[in-house]
C-alpha cells in the first residue's frame, strides 16, 4: 500500500514541500497564519477591502522574503568580505613545557 505524498524526506536530506525546504516550511506556515489574523482584524476593525489588501500584501511579501532567504541556504551563514589575519600564539607554546627556577 504505497501512496504518493507531496512531502518527501530522503536519506540525509531536509524535508521538502512545494519548493520550500526544512525550516522555511514552518516560516511559510507562520507567515500565512500571521497574515490571516492581521487581515481578519483589519477587516473587522477598519475596512473589509483594506483588510483584504493588507492580507494579500503580507502573504506575497512574506513568500518572496522566504524565497530570498532560501537562496542563501538552509543554515545561517555569515558572508564576510575582506582579509582576516589570525594572530600567532606560538611563543606561548614554548613556555608550557618549561619549569620556573627560583
Protein backbone atom coordinates (compact mmCIF):
# COMPACT_ATOMS: atom_id res chain seq x y z
CA UNK A 1 0.00 0.00 0.00
CA UNK A 2 2.28 2.69 -1.22
CA UNK A 3 0.75 6.10 -1.80
CA UNK A 4 2.19 9.24 -3.28
CA UNK A 5 2.58 12.18 -0.95
CA UNK A 6 3.96 15.60 -1.92
CA UNK A 7 6.06 15.73 1.28
CA UNK A 8 9.35 13.89 0.77
CA UNK A 9 12.30 13.30 3.04
CA UNK A 10 15.10 11.17 1.67
CA UNK A 11 18.20 9.97 3.45
CA UNK A 12 20.23 12.88 4.86
CA UNK A 13 18.01 15.40 3.09
CA UNK A 14 15.81 18.15 4.53
CA UNK A 15 12.03 18.00 4.45
CA UNK A 16 10.75 19.40 1.13
CA UNK A 17 7.26 20.65 0.28
CA UNK A 18 6.40 22.52 -2.94
CA UNK A 19 9.83 24.08 -3.30
CA UNK A 20 10.26 25.03 0.35
CA UNK A 21 12.89 23.18 2.34
CA UNK A 22 13.35 22.48 6.04
CA UNK A 23 12.68 25.36 8.36
CA UNK A 24 11.29 27.55 5.57
CA UNK A 25 8.16 25.38 5.52
CA UNK A 26 7.45 26.48 9.09
CA UNK A 27 8.25 30.10 8.21
CA UNK A 28 5.71 29.92 5.38
CA UNK A 29 3.00 28.50 7.62
CA UNK A 30 3.76 31.19 10.21
CA UNK A 31 3.54 33.98 7.64
CA UNK A 32 0.25 32.63 6.29
CA UNK A 33 -1.27 32.43 9.78
CA UNK A 34 0.03 35.85 10.80
CA UNK A 35 -1.29 37.47 7.63
CA UNK A 36 -4.69 35.80 8.03
CA UNK A 37 -5.03 37.01 11.62
CA UNK A 38 -3.85 40.52 10.74
CA UNK A 39 -6.14 40.67 7.71
CA UNK A 40 -9.13 39.45 9.73
CA UNK A 41 -8.52 42.00 12.47
CA UNK A 42 -8.17 44.78 9.91
CA UNK A 43 -11.35 43.65 8.16
CA UNK A 44 -13.25 43.63 11.44
CA UNK A 45 -11.93 46.90 12.84
CA UNK A 46 -11.27 49.20 9.87
CA UNK A 47 -12.45 48.16 6.42
CA UNK A 48 -13.09 44.90 4.59
CA UNK A 49 -11.22 45.89 1.42
CA UNK A 50 -8.25 47.31 3.29
CA UNK A 51 -8.01 44.09 5.30
CA UNK A 52 -8.01 42.00 2.11
CA UNK A 53 -5.29 44.16 0.55
CA UNK A 54 -3.13 44.01 3.69
CA UNK A 55 -3.59 40.25 3.91
CA UNK A 56 -2.58 39.69 0.27
CA UNK A 57 0.40 42.05 0.53
CA UNK A 58 1.64 40.27 3.67
CA UNK A 59 1.30 36.83 2.06
CA UNK A 60 3.02 37.84 -1.19
CA UNK A 61 5.76 39.81 0.57
CA UNK A 62 6.37 37.04 3.09
CA UNK A 63 6.65 34.34 0.46
CA UNK A 64 9.07 36.45 -1.59
CA UNK A 65 11.12 37.05 1.58
CA UNK A 66 11.22 33.31 2.30
CA UNK A 67 12.29 32.62 -1.29
CA UNK A 68 15.09 35.16 -0.94
CA UNK A 69 16.25 33.67 2.38
CA UNK A 70 16.10 30.15 0.99
CA UNK A 71 18.52 31.02 -1.81
CA UNK A 72 21.21 31.73 0.80
CA UNK A 73 20.92 28.20 2.16
CA UNK A 74 19.25 26.22 4.89
CA UNK A 75 21.58 27.37 7.66
CA UNK A 76 22.54 30.89 8.68
CA UNK A 77 25.87 31.77 7.14
CA UNK A 78 27.81 34.96 7.57
CA UNK A 79 29.41 36.11 4.37
CA UNK A 80 32.19 38.46 5.37
CA UNK A 81 34.17 40.27 2.71
CA UNK A 82 37.76 41.18 3.39
CA UNK A 83 41.05 39.76 4.54
CA UNK A 84 41.29 38.45 8.08
CA UNK A 85 44.65 37.77 9.74
CA UNK A 86 44.96 35.24 12.53
CA UNK A 87 47.43 36.11 15.27
CA UNK A 88 50.28 33.78 16.00
CA UNK A 89 50.40 32.28 19.51
CA UNK A 90 53.44 30.03 19.02
CA UNK A 91 55.55 31.93 21.56
CA UNK A 92 53.19 30.83 24.34
CA UNK A 93 53.52 27.15 23.41
CA UNK A 94 57.23 27.05 24.34
CA UNK A 95 56.52 28.20 27.91
CA UNK A 96 54.27 25.27 28.80
CA UNK A 97 56.99 22.63 28.92
CA UNK A 98 59.50 24.67 30.96
CA UNK A 99 59.61 24.86 34.73
CA UNK A 100 60.40 28.03 36.63
CA UNK A 101 63.63 28.20 38.65
CA UNK A 102 63.70 30.11 41.90
